[in-house]
Amino acid sequence: SLNSSALFHFGEIPDPATNKREKNLPIAKQTIDIIGMLKEKTKGNLTNDEEILIDHILYDLRMRYVEEMKKK
């Protein structure tokens, strides 16, 4: 999923091939932006539960990104 992809690029999930955790914040940000774009494009076509889920995912990922940027 896109959420898992973002977590992978935050270094939260190890690479299955190397078992190493590596951060790639530009790609994590790009993934967050894609999820945000999908939210906008599907507006009005999602169930209430789907909207809540995508809102929570976006909030979590955006907060992680802000925290990572503070560390720099």
PDB file of N, CA and C in Angstrom:
ATOM      1  N   SER A   1       0.835  -1.189   0.000  1.00  0.00           N
ATOM      2  CA  SER A   1       0.000   0.000   0.000  1.00  0.00           C
ATOM      3  C   SER A   1       0.877   1.249   0.000  1.00  0.00           C
ATOM      4  N   LEU A   2       0.288   2.359  -0.319  1.00  0.00           N
ATOM      5  CA  LEU A   2       1.037   3.618  -0.302  1.00  0.00           C
ATOM      6  C   LEU A   2       1.464   3.991   1.113  1.00  0.00           C
ATOM      7  N   ASN A   3       0.641   3.663   2.095  1.00  0.00           N
ATOM      8  CA  ASN A   3       0.999   3.922   3.485  1.00  0.00           C
ATOM      9  C   ASN A   3       2.255   3.140   3.856  1.00  0.00           C
ATOM     10  N   SER A   4       2.298   1.872   3.493  1.00  0.00           N
ATOM     11  CA  SER A   4       3.472   1.042   3.769  1.00  0.00           C
ATOM     12  C   SER A   4       4.694   1.572   3.043  1.00  0.00           C
ATOM     13  N   SER A   5       4.503   2.038   1.829  1.00  0.00           N
ATOM     14  CA  SER A   5       5.605   2.607   1.059  1.00  0.00           C
ATOM     15  C   SER A   5       6.179   3.828   1.773  1.00  0.00           C
ATOM     16  N   ALA A   6       5.321   4.696   2.261  1.00  0.00           N
ATOM     17  CA  ALA A   6       5.795   5.879   2.983  1.00  0.00           C
ATOM     18  C   ALA A   6       6.538   5.467   4.251  1.00  0.00           C
ATOM     19  N   LEU A   7       5.990   4.502   4.991  1.00  0.00           N
ATOM     20  CA  LEU A   7       6.656   4.038   6.209  1.00  0.00           C
ATOM     21  C   LEU A   7       8.015   3.426   5.894  1.00  0.00           C
ATOM     22  N   PHE A   8       8.104   2.713   4.777  1.00  0.00           N
ATOM     23  CA  PHE A   8       9.378   2.150   4.329  1.00  0.00           C
ATOM     24  C   PHE A   8      10.393   3.266   4.109  1.00  0.00           C
ATOM     25  N   HIS A   9       9.969   4.340   3.454  1.00  0.00           N
ATOM     26  CA  HIS A   9      10.879   5.437   3.154  1.00  0.00           C
ATOM     27  C   HIS A   9      11.185   6.302   4.372  1.00  0.00           C
ATOM     28  N   PHE A  10      10.385   6.194   5.414  1.00  0.00           N
ATOM     29  CA  PHE A  10      10.710   6.839   6.685  1.00  0.00           C
ATOM     30  C   PHE A  10      11.697   5.995   7.489  1.00  0.00           C
ATOM     31  N   GLY A  11      11.989   4.795   7.000  1.00  0.00           N
ATOM     32  CA  GLY A  11      12.890   3.899   7.715  1.00  0.00           C
ATOM     33  C   GLY A  11      12.199   3.099   8.796  1.00  0.00           C
ATOM     34  N   GLU A  12      10.876   3.077   8.786  1.00  0.00           N
ATOM     35  CA  GLU A  12      10.103   2.338   9.786  1.00  0.00           C
ATOM     36  C   GLU A  12      10.025   0.847   9.470  1.00  0.00           C
ATOM     37  N   ILE A  13      10.135   0.519   8.199  1.00  0.00           N
ATOM     38  CA  ILE A  13      10.037  -0.869   7.744  1.00  0.00           C
ATOM     39  C   ILE A  13      11.362  -1.225   7.076  1.00  0.00           C
ATOM     40  N   PRO A  14      11.975  -2.359   7.467  1.00  0.00           N
ATOM     41  CA  PRO A  14      13.249  -2.727   6.840  1.00  0.00           C
ATOM     42  C   PRO A  14      13.073  -3.194   5.398  1.00  0.00           C
ATOM     43  N   ASP A  15      14.119  -2.987   4.618  1.00  0.00           N
ATOM     44  CA  ASP A  15      14.154  -3.472   3.235  1.00  0.00           C
ATOM     45  C   ASP A  15      14.151  -4.996   3.275  1.00  0.00           C
ATOM     46  N   PRO A  16      13.213  -5.648   2.591  1.00  0.00           N
ATOM     47  CA  PRO A  16      13.144  -7.110   2.635  1.00  0.00           C
ATOM     48  C   PRO A  16      14.406  -7.786   2.086  1.00  0.00           C
ATOM     49  N   ALA A  17      15.087  -7.144   1.163  1.00  0.00           N
ATOM     50  CA  ALA A  17      16.280  -7.745   0.553  1.00  0.00           C
ATOM     51  C   ALA A  17      17.502  -7.641   1.463  1.00  0.00           C
ATOM     52  N   THR A  18      17.647  -6.506   2.155  1.00  0.00           N
ATOM     53  CA  THR A  18      18.852  -6.283   2.966  1.00  0.00           C
ATOM     54  C   THR A  18      18.583  -6.295   4.465  1.00  0.00           C
ATOM     55  N   ASN A  19      17.329  -6.235   4.850  1.00  0.00           N
ATOM     56  CA  ASN A  19      16.897  -6.152   6.249  1.00  0.00           C
ATOM     57  C   ASN A  19      17.428  -4.888   6.940  1.00  0.00           C
ATOM     58  N   LYS A  20      17.788  -3.871   6.152  1.00  0.00           N
ATOM     59  CA  LYS A  20      18.253  -2.597   6.689  1.00  0.00           C
ATOM     60  C   LYS A  20      17.139  -1.562   6.587  1.00  0.00           C
ATOM     61  N   ARG A  21      17.162  -0.645   7.532  1.00  0.00           N
ATOM     62  CA  ARG A  21      16.209   0.466   7.526  1.00  0.00           C
ATOM     63  C   ARG A  21      16.925   1.701   7.000  1.00  0.00           C
ATOM     64  N   GLU A  22      16.423   2.251   5.916  1.00  0.00           N
ATOM     65  CA  GLU A  22      17.030   3.433   5.326  1.00  0.00           C
ATOM     66  C   GLU A  22      15.961   4.492   5.097  1.00  0.00           C
ATOM     67  N   LYS A  23      16.326   5.747   5.346  1.00  0.00           N
ATOM     68  CA  LYS A  23      15.388   6.854   5.159  1.00  0.00           C
ATOM     69  C   LYS A  23      15.605   7.504   3.803  1.00  0.00           C
ATOM     70  N   ASN A  24      14.496   7.836   3.167  1.00  0.00           N
ATOM     71  CA  ASN A  24      14.519   8.609   1.933  1.00  0.00           C
ATOM     72  C   ASN A  24      13.345   9.588   2.026  1.00  0.00           C
ATOM     73  N   LEU A  25      13.592  10.696   2.698  1.00  0.00           N
ATOM     74  CA  LEU A  25      12.510  11.647   2.984  1.00  0.00           C
ATOM     75  C   LEU A  25      11.877  12.273   1.748  1.00  0.00           C
ATOM     76  N   PRO A  26      12.640  12.578   0.686  1.00  0.00           N
ATOM     77  CA  PRO A  26      11.968  13.114  -0.505  1.00  0.00           C
ATOM     78  C   PRO A  26      10.943  12.136  -1.099  1.00  0.00           C
ATOM     79  N   ILE A  27      11.264  10.855  -1.090  1.00  0.00           N
ATOM     80  CA  ILE A  27      10.316   9.865  -1.618  1.00  0.00           C
ATOM     81  C   ILE A  27       9.144   9.695  -0.650  1.00  0.00           C
ATOM     82  N   ALA A  28       9.402   9.750   0.655  1.00  0.00           N
ATOM     83  CA  ALA A  28       8.311   9.682   1.633  1.00  0.00           C
ATOM     84  C   ALA A  28       7.351  10.848   1.414  1.00  0.00           C
ATOM     85  N   LYS A  29       7.901  12.045   1.208  1.00  0.00           N
ATOM     86  CA  LYS A  29       7.065  13.235   0.962  1.00  0.00           C
ATOM     87  C   LYS A  29       6.268  13.086  -0.325  1.00  0.00           C
ATOM     88  N   GLN A  30       6.901  12.549  -1.351  1.00  0.00           N
ATOM     89  CA  GLN A  30       6.205  12.332  -2.619  1.00  0.00           C
ATOM     90  C   GLN A  30       5.032  11.366  -2.428  1.00  0.00           C
ATOM     91  N   THR A  31       5.236  10.329  -1.643  1.00  0.00           N
ATOM     92  CA  THR A  31       4.173   9.361  -1.385  1.00  0.00           C
ATOM     93  C   THR A  31       3.026  10.013  -0.622  1.00  0.00           C
ATOM     94  N   ILE A  32       3.353  10.854   0.355  1.00  0.00           N
ATOM     95  CA  ILE A  32       2.319  11.589   1.099  1.00  0.00           C
ATOM     96  C   ILE A  32       1.522  12.478   0.147  1.00  0.00           C
ATOM     97  N   ASP A  33       2.214  13.155  -0.750  1.00  0.00           N
ATOM     98  CA  ASP A  33       1.541  14.019  -1.725  1.00  0.00           C
ATOM     99  C   ASP A  33       0.623  13.216  -2.646  1.00  0.00           C
ATOM    100  N   ILE A  34       1.045  12.018  -3.031  1.00  0.00           N
ATOM    101  CA  ILE A  34       0.210  11.160  -3.885  1.00  0.00           C
ATOM    102  C   ILE A  34      -1.055  10.753  -3.143  1.00  0.00           C
ATOM    103  N   ILE A  35      -0.920  10.379  -1.869  1.00  0.00           N
ATOM    104  CA  ILE A  35      -2.099  10.007  -1.076  1.00  0.00           C
ATOM    105  C   ILE A  35      -3.041  11.204  -0.959  1.00  0.00           C
ATOM    106  N   GLY A  36      -2.489  12.394  -0.741  1.00  0.00           N
ATOM    107  CA  GLY A  36      -3.309  13.605  -0.671  1.00  0.00           C
ATOM    108  C   GLY A  36      -4.031  13.881  -1.976  1.00  0.00           C
ATOM    109  N   MET A  37      -3.342  13.666  -3.088  1.00  0.00           N
ATOM    110  CA  MET A  37      -3.955  13.863  -4.401  1.00  0.00           C
ATOM    111  C   MET A  37      -5.082  12.853  -4.624  1.00  0.00           C
ATOM    112  N   LEU A  38      -4.847  11.611  -4.228  1.00  0.00           N
ATOM    113  CA  LEU A  38      -5.896  10.596  -4.373  1.00  0.00           C
ATOM    114  C   LEU A  38      -7.112  10.935  -3.518  1.00  0.00           C
ATOM    115  N   LYS A  39      -6.875  11.498  -2.335  1.00  0.00           N
ATOM    116  CA  LYS A  39      -7.991  11.919  -1.482  1.00  0.00           C
ATOM    117  C   LYS A  39      -8.834  12.969  -2.198  1.00  0.00           C
ATOM    118  N   GLU A  40      -8.173  13.944  -2.813  1.00  0.00           N
ATOM    119  CA  GLU A  40      -8.895  14.997  -3.535  1.00  0.00           C
ATOM    120  C   GLU A  40      -9.635  14.445  -4.752  1.00  0.00           C
ATOM    121  N   LYS A  41      -9.004  13.551  -5.489  1.00  0.00           N
ATOM    122  CA  LYS A  41      -9.603  13.005  -6.713  1.00  0.00           C
ATOM    123  C   LYS A  41     -10.784  12.079  -6.424  1.00  0.00           C
ATOM    124  N   THR A  42     -10.807  11.485  -5.219  1.00  0.00           N
ATOM    125  CA  THR A  42     -11.894  10.561  -4.883  1.00  0.00           C
ATOM    126  C   THR A  42     -12.941  11.210  -3.980  1.00  0.00           C
ATOM    127  N   LYS A  43     -12.811  12.509  -3.757  1.00  0.00           N
ATOM    128  CA  LYS A  43     -13.752  13.228  -2.891  1.00  0.00           C
ATOM    129  C   LYS A  43     -15.186  13.012  -3.381  1.00  0.00           C
ATOM    130  N   GLY A  44     -16.053  12.630  -2.460  1.00  0.00           N
ATOM    131  CA  GLY A  44     -17.446  12.380  -2.800  1.00  0.00           C
ATOM    132  C   GLY A  44     -17.718  10.957  -3.257  1.00  0.00           C
ATOM    133  N   ASN A  45     -16.665  10.181  -3.476  1.00  0.00           N
ATOM    134  CA  ASN A  45     -16.833   8.796  -3.920  1.00  0.00           C
ATOM    135  C   ASN A  45     -16.405   7.781  -2.867  1.00  0.00           C
ATOM    136  N   LEU A  46     -16.008   8.256  -1.696  1.00  0.00           N
ATOM    137  CA  LEU A  46     -15.564   7.367  -0.630  1.00  0.00           C
ATOM    138  C   LEU A  46     -16.662   7.209   0.414  1.00  0.00           C
ATOM    139  N   THR A  47     -16.652   6.062   1.074  1.00  0.00           N
ATOM    140  CA  THR A  47     -17.551   5.885   2.211  1.00  0.00           C
ATOM    141  C   THR A  47     -17.005   6.708   3.369  1.00  0.00           C
ATOM    142  N   ASN A  48     -17.818   6.902   4.379  1.00  0.00           N
ATOM    143  CA  ASN A  48     -17.380   7.647   5.558  1.00  0.00           C
ATOM    144  C   ASN A  48     -16.162   6.977   6.197  1.00  0.00           C
ATOM    145  N   ASP A  49     -16.189   5.651   6.299  1.00  0.00           N
ATOM    146  CA  ASP A  49     -15.059   4.919   6.882  1.00  0.00           C
ATOM    147  C   ASP A  49     -13.788   5.096   6.057  1.00  0.00           C
ATOM    148  N   GLU A  50     -13.915   5.098   4.735  1.00  0.00           N
ATOM    149  CA  GLU A  50     -12.747   5.291   3.870  1.00  0.00           C
ATOM    150  C   GLU A  50     -12.172   6.694   4.031  1.00  0.00           C
ATOM    151  N   GLU A  51     -13.047   7.686   4.144  1.00  0.00           N
ATOM    152  CA  GLU A  51     -12.583   9.066   4.346  1.00  0.00           C
ATOM    153  C   GLU A  51     -11.847   9.204   5.669  1.00  0.00           C
ATOM    154  N   ILE A  52     -12.397   8.599   6.709  1.00  0.00           N
ATOM    155  CA  ILE A  52     -11.753   8.646   8.026  1.00  0.00           C
ATOM    156  C   ILE A  52     -10.391   7.969   7.966  1.00  0.00           C
ATOM    157  N   LEU A  53     -10.314   6.827   7.303  1.00  0.00           N
ATOM    158  CA  LEU A  53      -9.054   6.098   7.188  1.00  0.00           C
ATOM    159  C   LEU A  53      -7.993   6.930   6.474  1.00  0.00           C
ATOM    160  N   ILE A  54      -8.335   7.491   5.334  1.00  0.00           N
ATOM    161  CA  ILE A  54      -7.349   8.271   4.580  1.00  0.00           C
ATOM    162  C   ILE A  54      -6.948   9.528   5.348  1.00  0.00           C
ATOM    163  N   ASP A  55      -7.884  10.140   6.069  1.00  0.00           N
ATOM    164  CA  ASP A  55      -7.549  11.309   6.886  1.00  0.00           C
ATOM    165  C   ASP A  55      -6.553  10.943   7.985  1.00  0.00           C
ATOM    166  N   HIS A  56      -6.778   9.805   8.641  1.00  0.00           N
ATOM    167  CA  HIS A  56      -5.866   9.368   9.698  1.00  0.00           C
ATOM    168  C   HIS A  56      -4.490   9.019   9.140  1.00  0.00           C
ATOM    169  N   ILE A  57      -4.467   8.352   8.006  1.00  0.00           N
ATOM    170  CA  ILE A  57      -3.194   8.002   7.373  1.00  0.00           C
ATOM    171  C   ILE A  57      -2.424   9.271   7.013  1.00  0.00           C
ATOM    172  N   LEU A  58      -3.095  10.216   6.377  1.00  0.00           N
ATOM    173  CA  LEU A  58      -2.429  11.462   5.993  1.00  0.00           C
ATOM    174  C   LEU A  58      -1.932  12.236   7.212  1.00  0.00           C
ATOM    175  N   TYR A  59      -2.736  12.302   8.243  1.00  0.00           N
ATOM    176  CA  TYR A  59      -2.319  13.010   9.455  1.00  0.00           C
ATOM    177  C   TYR A  59      -1.064  12.371  10.036  1.00  0.00           C
ATOM    178  N   ASP A  60      -1.090  11.050  10.181  1.00  0.00           N
ATOM    179  CA  ASP A  60       0.050  10.329  10.752  1.00  0.00           C
ATOM    180  C   ASP A  60       1.314  10.543   9.921  1.00  0.00           C
ATOM    181  N   LEU A  61       1.204  10.378   8.614  1.00  0.00           N
ATOM    182  CA  LEU A  61       2.377  10.518   7.752  1.00  0.00           C
ATOM    183  C   LEU A  61       2.897  11.951   7.732  1.00  0.00           C
ATOM    184  N   ARG A  62       2.002  12.918   7.714  1.00  0.00           N
ATOM    185  CA  ARG A  62       2.436  14.322   7.714  1.00  0.00           C
ATOM    186  C   ARG A  62       3.138  14.681   9.023  1.00  0.00           C
ATOM    187  N   MET A  63       2.633  14.172  10.146  1.00  0.00           N
ATOM    188  CA  MET A  63       3.278  14.438  11.429  1.00  0.00           C
ATOM    189  C   MET A  63       4.658  13.783  11.492  1.00  0.00           C
ATOM    190  N   ARG A  64       4.771  12.573  10.955  1.00  0.00           N
ATOM    191  CA  ARG A  64       6.084  11.908  10.896  1.00  0.00           C
ATOM    192  C   ARG A  64       7.057  12.737  10.066  1.00  0.00           C
ATOM    193  N   TYR A  65       6.575  13.261   8.955  1.00  0.00           N
ATOM    194  CA  TYR A  65       7.433  14.060   8.080  1.00  0.00           C
ATOM    195  C   TYR A  65       7.901  15.326   8.796  1.00  0.00           C
ATOM    196  N   VAL A  66       6.994  15.998   9.478  1.00  0.00           N
ATOM    197  CA  VAL A  66       7.352  17.209  10.219  1.00  0.00           C
ATOM    198  C   VAL A  66       8.408  16.879  11.273  1.00  0.00           C
ATOM    199  N   GLU A  67       8.220  15.786  11.998  1.00  0.00           N
ATOM    200  CA  GLU A  67       9.188  15.393  13.024  1.00  0.00           C
ATOM    201  C   GLU A  67      10.552  15.095  12.416  1.00  0.00           C
ATOM    202  N   GLU A  68      10.567  14.429  11.284  1.00  0.00           N
ATOM    203  CA  GLU A  68      11.839  14.127  10.616  1.00  0.00           C
ATOM    204  C   GLU A  68      12.529  15.406  10.151  1.00  0.00           C
ATOM    205  N   MET A  69      11.764  16.350   9.668  1.00  0.00           N
ATOM    206  CA  MET A  69      12.349  17.605   9.194  1.00  0.00           C
ATOM    207  C   MET A  69      12.896  18.431  10.364  1.00  0.00           C
ATOM    208  N   LYS A  70      12.286  18.310  11.535  1.00  0.00           N
ATOM    209  CA  LYS A  70      12.786  19.013  12.721  1.00  0.00           C
ATOM    210  C   LYS A  70      14.160  18.483  13.129  1.00  0.00           C
ATOM    211  N   LYS A  71      14.417  17.212  12.853  1.00  0.00           N
ATOM    212  CA  LYS A  71      15.690  16.587  13.228  1.00  0.00           C
ATOM    213  C   LYS A  71      16.848  17.086  12.378  1.00  0.00           C
ATOM    214  N   LYS A  72      16.534  17.634  11.217  1.00  0.00           N
ATOM    215  CA  LYS A  72      17.598  18.090  10.305  1.00  0.00           C
ATOM    216  C   LYS A  72      18.169  19.412  10.732  1.00  0.00           C
TER     217      LYS A  72
END
